[in-house]
């Protein structure tokens, strides 16, 4: 969704996506702590989400720079 928006409108969408990703990671960790997921499933779910978080964080940082310099 953010990819098709103009520069000024991307940042709120990306921040919302980041918040939802954090919430998803929290619930996956909670499920692991409650023994709903074993270690293997937890790792299979959490590693890609961490990669997505790094990518999303970089996109947010870059978009924030672009918006503040304009």
PDB file of N, CA and C in Angstrom:
ATOM      1  N   UNK A   1       0.823  -1.183   0.000  1.00  0.00           N
ATOM      2  CA  UNK A   1       0.000   0.000   0.000  1.00  0.00           C
ATOM      3  C   UNK A   1       0.876   1.258   0.000  1.00  0.00           C
ATOM      4  N   UNK A   2       1.904   1.260   0.837  1.00  0.00           N
ATOM      5  CA  UNK A   2       2.762   2.445   0.936  1.00  0.00           C
ATOM      6  C   UNK A   2       3.534   2.686  -0.357  1.00  0.00           C
ATOM      7  N   UNK A   3       3.827   1.625  -1.079  1.00  0.00           N
ATOM      8  CA  UNK A   3       4.575   1.770  -2.321  1.00  0.00           C
ATOM      9  C   UNK A   3       3.856   2.587  -3.369  1.00  0.00           C
ATOM     10  N   UNK A   4       2.532   2.606  -3.315  1.00  0.00           N
ATOM     11  CA  UNK A   4       1.775   3.336  -4.324  1.00  0.00           C
ATOM     12  C   UNK A   4       1.386   4.743  -3.875  1.00  0.00           C
ATOM     13  N   UNK A   5       1.752   5.103  -2.650  1.00  0.00           N
ATOM     14  CA  UNK A   5       1.389   6.422  -2.134  1.00  0.00           C
ATOM     15  C   UNK A   5       2.483   7.446  -2.422  1.00  0.00           C
ATOM     16  N   UNK A   6       2.083   8.698  -2.380  1.00  0.00           N
ATOM     17  CA  UNK A   6       3.047   9.772  -2.520  1.00  0.00           C
ATOM     18  C   UNK A   6       3.931   9.859  -1.281  1.00  0.00           C
ATOM     19  N   UNK A   7       5.045  10.528  -1.410  1.00  0.00           N
ATOM     20  CA  UNK A   7       6.036  10.612  -0.344  1.00  0.00           C
ATOM     21  C   UNK A   7       5.443  11.101   0.979  1.00  0.00           C
ATOM     22  N   UNK A   8       4.591  12.078   0.938  1.00  0.00           N
ATOM     23  CA  UNK A   8       4.041  12.671   2.159  1.00  0.00           C
ATOM     24  C   UNK A   8       3.088  11.730   2.900  1.00  0.00           C
ATOM     25  N   UNK A   9       2.513  10.778   2.194  1.00  0.00           N
ATOM     26  CA  UNK A   9       1.519   9.899   2.808  1.00  0.00           C
ATOM     27  C   UNK A   9       2.069   8.528   3.190  1.00  0.00           C
ATOM     28  N   UNK A  10       3.311   8.239   2.819  1.00  0.00           N
ATOM     29  CA  UNK A  10       3.901   6.923   3.088  1.00  0.00           C
ATOM     30  C   UNK A  10       4.176   6.689   4.565  1.00  0.00           C
ATOM     31  N   UNK A  11       4.740   7.689   5.229  1.00  0.00           N
ATOM     32  CA  UNK A  11       5.231   7.495   6.591  1.00  0.00           C
ATOM     33  C   UNK A  11       4.153   7.005   7.553  1.00  0.00           C
ATOM     34  N   UNK A  12       2.953   7.596   7.585  1.00  0.00           N
ATOM     35  CA  UNK A  12       1.935   7.071   8.509  1.00  0.00           C
ATOM     36  C   UNK A  12       1.539   5.619   8.221  1.00  0.00           C
ATOM     37  N   UNK A  13       1.488   5.247   6.957  1.00  0.00           N
ATOM     38  CA  UNK A  13       1.133   3.879   6.592  1.00  0.00           C
ATOM     39  C   UNK A  13       2.230   2.917   7.030  1.00  0.00           C
ATOM     40  N   UNK A  14       3.482   3.302   6.819  1.00  0.00           N
ATOM     41  CA  UNK A  14       4.600   2.463   7.224  1.00  0.00           C
ATOM     42  C   UNK A  14       4.662   2.318   8.745  1.00  0.00           C
ATOM     43  N   UNK A  15       4.402   3.395   9.458  1.00  0.00           N
ATOM     44  CA  UNK A  15       4.416   3.329  10.922  1.00  0.00           C
ATOM     45  C   UNK A  15       3.292   2.441  11.447  1.00  0.00           C
ATOM     46  N   UNK A  16       2.152   2.498  10.802  1.00  0.00           N
ATOM     47  CA  UNK A  16       1.037   1.636  11.193  1.00  0.00           C
ATOM     48  C   UNK A  16       1.388   0.166  10.933  1.00  0.00           C
ATOM     49  N   UNK A  17       2.006  -0.094   9.799  1.00  0.00           N
ATOM     50  CA  UNK A  17       2.427  -1.463   9.473  1.00  0.00           C
ATOM     51  C   UNK A  17       3.461  -1.954  10.487  1.00  0.00           C
ATOM     52  N   UNK A  18       4.362  -1.084  10.887  1.00  0.00           N
ATOM     53  CA  UNK A  18       5.372  -1.449  11.884  1.00  0.00           C
ATOM     54  C   UNK A  18       4.725  -1.788  13.222  1.00  0.00           C
ATOM     55  N   UNK A  19       3.736  -1.022  13.610  1.00  0.00           N
ATOM     56  CA  UNK A  19       3.017  -1.300  14.852  1.00  0.00           C
ATOM     57  C   UNK A  19       2.301  -2.646  14.795  1.00  0.00           C
ATOM     58  N   UNK A  20       1.697  -2.944  13.666  1.00  0.00           N
ATOM     59  CA  UNK A  20       1.005  -4.233  13.516  1.00  0.00           C
ATOM     60  C   UNK A  20       1.997  -5.391  13.508  1.00  0.00           C
ATOM     61  N   UNK A  21       3.152  -5.184  12.905  1.00  0.00           N
ATOM     62  CA  UNK A  21       4.189  -6.211  12.909  1.00  0.00           C
ATOM     63  C   UNK A  21       4.680  -6.468  14.331  1.00  0.00           C
ATOM     64  N   UNK A  22       4.896  -5.398  15.095  1.00  0.00           N
ATOM     65  CA  UNK A  22       5.317  -5.551  16.488  1.00  0.00           C
ATOM     66  C   UNK A  22       4.276  -6.323  17.295  1.00  0.00           C
ATOM     67  N   UNK A  23       3.021  -6.033  17.059  1.00  0.00           N
ATOM     68  CA  UNK A  23       1.949  -6.739  17.758  1.00  0.00           C
ATOM     69  C   UNK A  23       1.931  -8.219  17.389  1.00  0.00           C
ATOM     70  N   UNK A  24       2.118  -8.522  16.115  1.00  0.00           N
ATOM     71  CA  UNK A  24       2.173  -9.909  15.670  1.00  0.00           C
ATOM     72  C   UNK A  24       3.348 -10.642  16.322  1.00  0.00           C
ATOM     73  N   UNK A  25       4.509  -9.987  16.356  1.00  0.00           N
ATOM     74  CA  UNK A  25       5.673 -10.611  16.987  1.00  0.00           C
ATOM     75  C   UNK A  25       5.437 -10.838  18.477  1.00  0.00           C
ATOM     76  N   UNK A  26       4.746  -9.912  19.117  1.00  0.00           N
ATOM     77  CA  UNK A  26       4.421 -10.069  20.536  1.00  0.00           C
ATOM     78  C   UNK A  26       3.535 -11.295  20.755  1.00  0.00           C
ATOM     79  N   UNK A  27       2.497 -11.449  19.955  1.00  0.00           N
ATOM     80  CA  UNK A  27       1.587 -12.575  20.129  1.00  0.00           C
ATOM     81  C   UNK A  27       2.259 -13.913  19.803  1.00  0.00           C
ATOM     82  N   UNK A  28       3.164 -13.918  18.850  1.00  0.00           N
ATOM     83  CA  UNK A  28       3.902 -15.144  18.556  1.00  0.00           C
ATOM     84  C   UNK A  28       4.810 -15.505  19.730  1.00  0.00           C
ATOM     85  N   UNK A  29       5.463 -14.508  20.313  1.00  0.00           N
ATOM     86  CA  UNK A  29       6.299 -14.771  21.477  1.00  0.00           C
ATOM     87  C   UNK A  29       5.459 -15.248  22.658  1.00  0.00           C
ATOM     88  N   UNK A  30       4.312 -14.652  22.845  1.00  0.00           N
ATOM     89  CA  UNK A  30       3.412 -15.065  23.919  1.00  0.00           C
ATOM     90  C   UNK A  30       2.968 -16.515  23.721  1.00  0.00           C
ATOM     91  N   UNK A  31       2.624 -16.866  22.490  1.00  0.00           N
ATOM     92  CA  UNK A  31       2.218 -18.242  22.198  1.00  0.00           C
ATOM     93  C   UNK A  31       3.364 -19.214  22.484  1.00  0.00           C
ATOM     94  N   UNK A  32       4.594 -18.798  22.183  1.00  0.00           N
ATOM     95  CA  UNK A  32       5.746 -19.650  22.474  1.00  0.00           C
ATOM     96  C   UNK A  32       5.934 -19.812  23.984  1.00  0.00           C
ATOM     97  N   UNK A  33       5.799 -18.694  24.718  1.00  0.00           N
ATOM     98  CA  UNK A  33       5.956 -18.754  26.173  1.00  0.00           C
ATOM     99  C   UNK A  33       4.871 -19.601  26.829  1.00  0.00           C
ATOM    100  N   UNK A  34       3.690 -19.628  26.237  1.00  0.00           N
ATOM    101  CA  UNK A  34       2.595 -20.447  26.759  1.00  0.00           C
ATOM    102  C   UNK A  34       2.654 -21.880  26.231  1.00  0.00           C
ATOM    103  N   UNK A  35       3.722 -22.194  25.512  1.00  0.00           N
ATOM    104  CA  UNK A  35       3.960 -23.547  24.974  1.00  0.00           C
ATOM    105  C   UNK A  35       2.948 -23.953  23.898  1.00  0.00           C
ATOM    106  N   UNK A  36       2.352 -22.976  23.251  1.00  0.00           N
ATOM    107  CA  UNK A  36       1.471 -23.254  22.121  1.00  0.00           C
ATOM    108  C   UNK A  36       2.325 -23.613  20.897  1.00  0.00           C
ATOM    109  N   UNK A  37       3.461 -22.936  20.762  1.00  0.00           N
ATOM    110  CA  UNK A  37       4.429 -23.237  19.706  1.00  0.00           C
ATOM    111  C   UNK A  37       5.659 -23.861  20.346  1.00  0.00           C
ATOM    112  N   UNK A  38       6.220 -24.866  19.688  1.00  0.00           N
ATOM    113  CA  UNK A  38       7.510 -25.378  20.152  1.00  0.00           C
ATOM    114  C   UNK A  38       8.618 -24.467  19.607  1.00  0.00           C
ATOM    115  N   UNK A  39       9.849 -24.743  20.003  1.00  0.00           N
ATOM    116  CA  UNK A  39      10.972 -23.883  19.602  1.00  0.00           C
ATOM    117  C   UNK A  39      11.130 -23.798  18.089  1.00  0.00           C
ATOM    118  N   UNK A  40      10.968 -24.940  17.425  1.00  0.00           N
ATOM    119  CA  UNK A  40      11.153 -24.973  15.974  1.00  0.00           C
ATOM    120  C   UNK A  40      10.133 -24.086  15.256  1.00  0.00           C
ATOM    121  N   UNK A  41       8.878 -24.184  15.641  1.00  0.00           N
ATOM    122  CA  UNK A  41       7.840 -23.353  15.007  1.00  0.00           C
ATOM    123  C   UNK A  41       8.045 -21.885  15.329  1.00  0.00           C
ATOM    124  N   UNK A  42       8.464 -21.614  16.562  1.00  0.00           N
ATOM    125  CA  UNK A  42       8.716 -20.222  16.957  1.00  0.00           C
ATOM    126  C   UNK A  42       9.816 -19.613  16.090  1.00  0.00           C
ATOM    127  N   UNK A  43      10.877 -20.358  15.889  1.00  0.00           N
ATOM    128  CA  UNK A  43      11.983 -19.866  15.062  1.00  0.00           C
ATOM    129  C   UNK A  43      11.538 -19.694  13.615  1.00  0.00           C
ATOM    130  N   UNK A  44      10.784 -20.666  13.101  1.00  0.00           N
ATOM    131  CA  UNK A  44      10.299 -20.572  11.718  1.00  0.00           C
ATOM    132  C   UNK A  44       9.404 -19.356  11.502  1.00  0.00           C
ATOM    133  N   UNK A  45       8.666 -18.965  12.526  1.00  0.00           N
ATOM    134  CA  UNK A  45       7.787 -17.799  12.411  1.00  0.00           C
ATOM    135  C   UNK A  45       8.516 -16.495  12.708  1.00  0.00           C
ATOM    136  N   UNK A  46       9.385 -16.491  13.689  1.00  0.00           N
ATOM    137  CA  UNK A  46       9.966 -15.227  14.139  1.00  0.00           C
ATOM    138  C   UNK A  46      11.103 -14.718  13.251  1.00  0.00           C
ATOM    139  N   UNK A  47      11.895 -15.613  12.676  1.00  0.00           N
ATOM    140  CA  UNK A  47      13.022 -15.147  11.856  1.00  0.00           C
ATOM    141  C   UNK A  47      12.576 -14.319  10.639  1.00  0.00           C
ATOM    142  N   UNK A  48      11.614 -14.778   9.848  1.00  0.00           N
ATOM    143  CA  UNK A  48      11.178 -13.939   8.723  1.00  0.00           C
ATOM    144  C   UNK A  48      10.554 -12.617   9.186  1.00  0.00           C
ATOM    145  N   UNK A  49       9.858 -12.647  10.315  1.00  0.00           N
ATOM    146  CA  UNK A  49       9.259 -11.408  10.822  1.00  0.00           C
ATOM    147  C   UNK A  49      10.324 -10.414  11.250  1.00  0.00           C
ATOM    148  N   UNK A  50      11.430 -10.914  11.812  1.00  0.00           N
ATOM    149  CA  UNK A  50      12.530 -10.022  12.167  1.00  0.00           C
ATOM    150  C   UNK A  50      13.158  -9.407  10.924  1.00  0.00           C
ATOM    151  N   UNK A  51      13.294 -10.194   9.864  1.00  0.00           N
ATOM    152  CA  UNK A  51      13.816  -9.664   8.597  1.00  0.00           C
ATOM    153  C   UNK A  51      12.885  -8.587   8.040  1.00  0.00           C
ATOM    154  N   UNK A  52      11.605  -8.851   8.076  1.00  0.00           N
ATOM    155  CA  UNK A  52      10.621  -7.873   7.604  1.00  0.00           C
ATOM    156  C   UNK A  52      10.702  -6.599   8.438  1.00  0.00           C
ATOM    157  N   UNK A  53      10.893  -6.757   9.737  1.00  0.00           N
ATOM    158  CA  UNK A  53      11.019  -5.597  10.621  1.00  0.00           C
ATOM    159  C   UNK A  53      12.223  -4.741  10.275  1.00  0.00           C
ATOM    160  N   UNK A  54      13.350  -5.374   9.962  1.00  0.00           N
ATOM    161  CA  UNK A  54      14.543  -4.617   9.567  1.00  0.00           C
ATOM    162  C   UNK A  54      14.301  -3.872   8.256  1.00  0.00           C
ATOM    163  N   UNK A  55      13.679  -4.538   7.304  1.00  0.00           N
ATOM    164  CA  UNK A  55      13.386  -3.896   6.020  1.00  0.00           C
ATOM    165  C   UNK A  55      12.422  -2.731   6.208  1.00  0.00           C
ATOM    166  N   UNK A  56      11.390  -2.961   6.975  1.00  0.00           N
ATOM    167  CA  UNK A  56      10.391  -1.927   7.227  1.00  0.00           C
ATOM    168  C   UNK A  56      11.007  -0.748   7.980  1.00  0.00           C
ATOM    169  N   UNK A  57      11.852  -1.051   8.955  1.00  0.00           N
ATOM    170  CA  UNK A  57      12.533   0.019   9.691  1.00  0.00           C
ATOM    171  C   UNK A  57      13.406   0.874   8.796  1.00  0.00           C
ATOM    172  N   UNK A  58      14.125   0.240   7.873  1.00  0.00           N
ATOM    173  CA  UNK A  58      14.937   0.996   6.925  1.00  0.00           C
ATOM    174  C   UNK A  58      14.098   1.854   6.005  1.00  0.00           C
ATOM    175  N   UNK A  59      12.962   1.318   5.586  1.00  0.00           N
ATOM    176  CA  UNK A  59      12.057   2.062   4.716  1.00  0.00           C
ATOM    177  C   UNK A  59      11.496   3.279   5.461  1.00  0.00           C
ATOM    178  N   UNK A  60      11.146   3.078   6.721  1.00  0.00           N
ATOM    179  CA  UNK A  60      10.631   4.183   7.527  1.00  0.00           C
ATOM    180  C   UNK A  60      11.700   5.257   7.692  1.00  0.00           C
ATOM    181  N   UNK A  61      12.910   4.832   8.023  1.00  0.00           N
ATOM    182  CA  UNK A  61      14.014   5.786   8.218  1.00  0.00           C
ATOM    183  C   UNK A  61      14.283   6.574   6.945  1.00  0.00           C
ATOM    184  N   UNK A  62      14.317   5.894   5.810  1.00  0.00           N
ATOM    185  CA  UNK A  62      14.571   6.541   4.522  1.00  0.00           C
ATOM    186  C   UNK A  62      13.439   7.497   4.164  1.00  0.00           C
ATOM    187  N   UNK A  63      12.206   7.070   4.360  1.00  0.00           N
ATOM    188  CA  UNK A  63      11.048   7.920   4.054  1.00  0.00           C
ATOM    189  C   UNK A  63      11.022   9.136   4.959  1.00  0.00           C
ATOM    190  N   UNK A  64      11.374   8.949   6.228  1.00  0.00           N
ATOM    191  CA  UNK A  64      11.408  10.071   7.176  1.00  0.00           C
ATOM    192  C   UNK A  64      12.456  11.089   6.753  1.00  0.00           C
ATOM    193  N   UNK A  65      13.633  10.613   6.314  1.00  0.00           N
ATOM    194  CA  UNK A  65      14.691  11.518   5.828  1.00  0.00           C
ATOM    195  C   UNK A  65      14.213  12.305   4.628  1.00  0.00           C
ATOM    196  N   UNK A  66      13.607  11.597   3.669  1.00  0.00           N
ATOM    197  CA  UNK A  66      13.132  12.245   2.445  1.00  0.00           C
ATOM    198  C   UNK A  66      12.062  13.284   2.753  1.00  0.00           C
ATOM    199  N   UNK A  67      11.172  12.972   3.684  1.00  0.00           N
ATOM    200  CA  UNK A  67      10.096  13.883   4.022  1.00  0.00           C
ATOM    201  C   UNK A  67      10.618  15.117   4.750  1.00  0.00           C
ATOM    202  N   UNK A  68      11.597  14.933   5.628  1.00  0.00           N
ATOM    203  CA  UNK A  68      12.107  16.064   6.408  1.00  0.00           C
ATOM    204  C   UNK A  68      12.988  16.974   5.578  1.00  0.00           C
ATOM    205  N   UNK A  69      13.635  16.474   4.508  1.00  0.00           N
ATOM    206  CA  UNK A  69      14.477  17.312   3.663  1.00  0.00           C
ATOM    207  C   UNK A  69      13.677  18.042   2.598  1.00  0.00           C
ATOM    208  N   UNK A  70      12.449  17.631   2.369  1.00  0.00           N
ATOM    209  CA  UNK A  70      11.627  18.273   1.325  1.00  0.00           C
ATOM    210  C   UNK A  70      10.972  19.534   1.829  1.00  0.00           C
TER     211      UNK A  70
END
